Amino acid sequence: MLQNINVPLWQENQMITYEVTSLDEYWVELSQKNLPEKYPGVKISPPKEFSWGREIHIIDPAGVCWHVRQ
């Protein structure tokens, strides 16, 4: 659900997780969009191995952390 609200404390402590078929292919597509250069506050990190699996992390302009998994 998208809402037009601005509550930084809530936004910075929110996390969204979704899965993709191929994390490497998604990373190639995502990194080519140059999102950090286009949108202030956006951060993306390449695939990284964790004890629970590989993930890409994205911080969106509102400060919400997106976890992308395969």
N, C-alpha and C. Protein backbone atom coordinates (compact mmCIF):
# COMPACT_ATOMS: atom_id res chain seq x y z
N MET A 1 0.84 -1.16 0.00
CA MET A 1 0.00 0.00 0.00
C MET A 1 0.90 1.24 0.00
N LEU A 2 0.64 2.16 -0.89
CA LEU A 2 1.39 3.41 -0.94
C LEU A 2 0.56 4.51 -0.27
N GLN A 3 1.22 5.30 0.54
CA GLN A 3 0.54 6.39 1.22
C GLN A 3 1.38 7.65 1.13
N ASN A 4 0.73 8.78 1.15
CA ASN A 4 1.42 10.05 1.13
C ASN A 4 1.59 10.53 2.58
N ILE A 5 2.55 9.91 3.29
CA ILE A 5 2.82 10.29 4.68
C ILE A 5 4.31 10.53 4.83
N ASN A 6 4.68 11.25 5.85
CA ASN A 6 6.09 11.51 6.12
C ASN A 6 6.32 11.36 7.61
N VAL A 7 6.68 10.15 8.02
CA VAL A 7 6.99 9.86 9.42
C VAL A 7 8.37 9.19 9.43
N PRO A 8 9.44 10.01 9.45
CA PRO A 8 10.79 9.46 9.30
C PRO A 8 11.13 8.33 10.27
N LEU A 9 10.75 8.44 11.52
CA LEU A 9 11.09 7.39 12.48
C LEU A 9 10.49 6.05 12.04
N TRP A 10 9.26 6.07 11.59
CA TRP A 10 8.62 4.83 11.11
C TRP A 10 9.28 4.36 9.83
N GLN A 11 9.50 5.27 8.89
CA GLN A 11 10.07 4.91 7.59
C GLN A 11 11.46 4.31 7.73
N GLU A 12 12.29 4.89 8.60
CA GLU A 12 13.66 4.42 8.76
C GLU A 12 13.74 3.09 9.50
N ASN A 13 12.64 2.64 10.08
CA ASN A 13 12.61 1.37 10.77
C ASN A 13 11.71 0.35 10.07
N GLN A 14 11.34 0.65 8.85
CA GLN A 14 10.50 -0.24 8.04
C GLN A 14 11.38 -1.10 7.13
N MET A 15 10.98 -2.33 6.89
CA MET A 15 11.73 -3.22 6.03
C MET A 15 10.75 -3.97 5.14
N ILE A 16 11.11 -4.10 3.88
CA ILE A 16 10.30 -4.85 2.92
C ILE A 16 11.21 -5.92 2.32
N THR A 17 10.71 -7.14 2.21
CA THR A 17 11.49 -8.24 1.63
C THR A 17 10.72 -8.84 0.47
N TYR A 18 11.41 -9.07 -0.64
CA TYR A 18 10.79 -9.80 -1.74
C TYR A 18 11.84 -10.64 -2.44
N GLU A 19 11.38 -11.65 -3.16
CA GLU A 19 12.28 -12.60 -3.82
C GLU A 19 12.21 -12.47 -5.34
N VAL A 20 13.36 -12.72 -5.97
CA VAL A 20 13.46 -12.71 -7.42
C VAL A 20 14.01 -14.07 -7.87
N THR A 21 13.86 -14.37 -9.13
CA THR A 21 14.32 -15.65 -9.67
C THR A 21 15.84 -15.72 -9.73
N SER A 22 16.47 -14.64 -10.18
CA SER A 22 17.94 -14.61 -10.28
C SER A 22 18.45 -13.30 -9.68
N LEU A 23 19.11 -13.39 -8.54
CA LEU A 23 19.63 -12.21 -7.87
C LEU A 23 20.70 -11.52 -8.72
N ASP A 24 21.54 -12.30 -9.39
CA ASP A 24 22.59 -11.70 -10.22
C ASP A 24 22.01 -10.94 -11.40
N GLU A 25 21.01 -11.51 -12.07
CA GLU A 25 20.38 -10.81 -13.19
C GLU A 25 19.65 -9.55 -12.70
N TYR A 26 19.01 -9.65 -11.55
CA TYR A 26 18.31 -8.48 -11.00
C TYR A 26 19.31 -7.39 -10.66
N TRP A 27 20.48 -7.76 -10.11
CA TRP A 27 21.50 -6.77 -9.77
C TRP A 27 21.99 -6.04 -11.02
N VAL A 28 22.22 -6.76 -12.11
CA VAL A 28 22.65 -6.12 -13.35
C VAL A 28 21.62 -5.10 -13.80
N GLU A 29 20.35 -5.50 -13.81
CA GLU A 29 19.28 -4.60 -14.22
C GLU A 29 19.16 -3.39 -13.28
N LEU A 30 19.21 -3.64 -11.99
CA LEU A 30 19.07 -2.58 -11.01
C LEU A 30 20.24 -1.59 -11.06
N SER A 31 21.45 -2.10 -11.12
CA SER A 31 22.63 -1.23 -11.09
C SER A 31 22.72 -0.34 -12.34
N GLN A 32 22.15 -0.77 -13.46
CA GLN A 32 22.18 0.03 -14.68
C GLN A 32 21.23 1.22 -14.62
N LYS A 33 20.33 1.24 -13.66
CA LYS A 33 19.34 2.32 -13.56
C LYS A 33 19.91 3.57 -12.89
N ASN A 34 21.10 3.48 -12.28
CA ASN A 34 21.75 4.62 -11.63
C ASN A 34 20.82 5.33 -10.64
N LEU A 35 20.10 4.56 -9.85
CA LEU A 35 19.12 5.13 -8.92
C LEU A 35 19.72 6.09 -7.89
N PRO A 36 20.90 5.79 -7.30
CA PRO A 36 21.46 6.74 -6.33
C PRO A 36 21.78 8.11 -6.94
N GLU A 37 22.13 8.12 -8.22
CA GLU A 37 22.43 9.39 -8.88
C GLU A 37 21.15 10.16 -9.22
N LYS A 38 20.06 9.44 -9.45
CA LYS A 38 18.80 10.07 -9.85
C LYS A 38 17.95 10.52 -8.67
N TYR A 39 18.07 9.81 -7.54
CA TYR A 39 17.18 10.07 -6.41
C TYR A 39 17.98 10.25 -5.12
N PRO A 40 17.95 11.44 -4.54
CA PRO A 40 18.69 11.69 -3.30
C PRO A 40 18.25 10.72 -2.20
N GLY A 41 19.24 10.20 -1.48
CA GLY A 41 18.96 9.30 -0.36
C GLY A 41 18.91 7.83 -0.72
N VAL A 42 18.83 7.51 -2.02
CA VAL A 42 18.77 6.11 -2.43
C VAL A 42 20.17 5.49 -2.34
N LYS A 43 20.21 4.29 -1.77
CA LYS A 43 21.46 3.53 -1.68
C LYS A 43 21.16 2.11 -2.13
N ILE A 44 22.07 1.52 -2.88
CA ILE A 44 21.93 0.11 -3.26
C ILE A 44 23.26 -0.59 -3.01
N SER A 45 23.18 -1.85 -2.62
CA SER A 45 24.40 -2.62 -2.41
C SER A 45 24.33 -3.90 -3.23
N PRO A 46 25.47 -4.34 -3.76
CA PRO A 46 25.48 -5.55 -4.59
C PRO A 46 25.14 -6.79 -3.76
N PRO A 47 24.88 -7.90 -4.45
CA PRO A 47 24.57 -9.13 -3.72
C PRO A 47 25.64 -9.47 -2.70
N LYS A 48 25.17 -9.86 -1.53
CA LYS A 48 26.07 -10.21 -0.44
C LYS A 48 25.56 -11.48 0.23
N GLU A 49 26.50 -12.32 0.63
CA GLU A 49 26.16 -13.59 1.27
C GLU A 49 25.97 -13.37 2.77
N PHE A 50 24.85 -13.85 3.29
CA PHE A 50 24.57 -13.83 4.72
C PHE A 50 24.33 -15.28 5.17
N SER A 51 24.25 -15.51 6.46
CA SER A 51 24.03 -16.88 6.95
C SER A 51 22.69 -17.44 6.47
N TRP A 52 21.73 -16.57 6.15
CA TRP A 52 20.40 -17.01 5.69
C TRP A 52 20.27 -17.00 4.17
N GLY A 53 21.30 -16.55 3.45
CA GLY A 53 21.28 -16.53 1.99
C GLY A 53 21.81 -15.23 1.43
N ARG A 54 21.74 -15.09 0.12
CA ARG A 54 22.23 -13.88 -0.56
C ARG A 54 21.13 -12.84 -0.66
N GLU A 55 21.52 -11.57 -0.53
CA GLU A 55 20.57 -10.46 -0.62
C GLU A 55 21.20 -9.24 -1.27
N ILE A 56 20.35 -8.42 -1.86
CA ILE A 56 20.68 -7.06 -2.28
C ILE A 56 19.90 -6.15 -1.33
N HIS A 57 20.53 -5.08 -0.88
CA HIS A 57 19.83 -4.12 -0.02
C HIS A 57 19.65 -2.80 -0.76
N ILE A 58 18.46 -2.26 -0.65
CA ILE A 58 18.12 -0.98 -1.26
C ILE A 58 17.53 -0.09 -0.17
N ILE A 59 18.01 1.13 -0.06
CA ILE A 59 17.39 2.14 0.80
C ILE A 59 16.68 3.10 -0.14
N ASP A 60 15.37 3.24 0.02
CA ASP A 60 14.62 4.11 -0.88
C ASP A 60 14.64 5.55 -0.38
N PRO A 61 14.11 6.51 -1.15
CA PRO A 61 14.18 7.92 -0.76
C PRO A 61 13.54 8.22 0.61
N ALA A 62 12.62 7.40 1.06
CA ALA A 62 11.97 7.61 2.36
C ALA A 62 12.77 6.99 3.50
N GLY A 63 13.80 6.22 3.19
CA GLY A 63 14.61 5.57 4.22
C GLY A 63 14.22 4.14 4.49
N VAL A 64 13.25 3.60 3.74
CA VAL A 64 12.81 2.21 3.93
C VAL A 64 13.85 1.27 3.33
N CYS A 65 14.19 0.21 4.06
CA CYS A 65 15.17 -0.77 3.60
C CYS A 65 14.46 -1.92 2.89
N TRP A 66 14.85 -2.17 1.66
CA TRP A 66 14.30 -3.26 0.86
C TRP A 66 15.34 -4.38 0.82
N HIS A 67 14.94 -5.59 1.16
CA HIS A 67 15.78 -6.78 1.07
C HIS A 67 15.29 -7.60 -0.12
N VAL A 68 16.18 -7.81 -1.08
CA VAL A 68 15.84 -8.59 -2.26
C VAL A 68 16.60 -9.90 -2.17
N ARG A 69 15.86 -11.01 -2.21
CA ARG A 69 16.47 -12.34 -2.04
C ARG A 69 16.20 -13.22 -3.26
N GLN A 70 17.01 -14.25 -3.36
CA GLN A 70 16.76 -15.28 -4.38
C GLN A 70 16.32 -16.53 -3.68
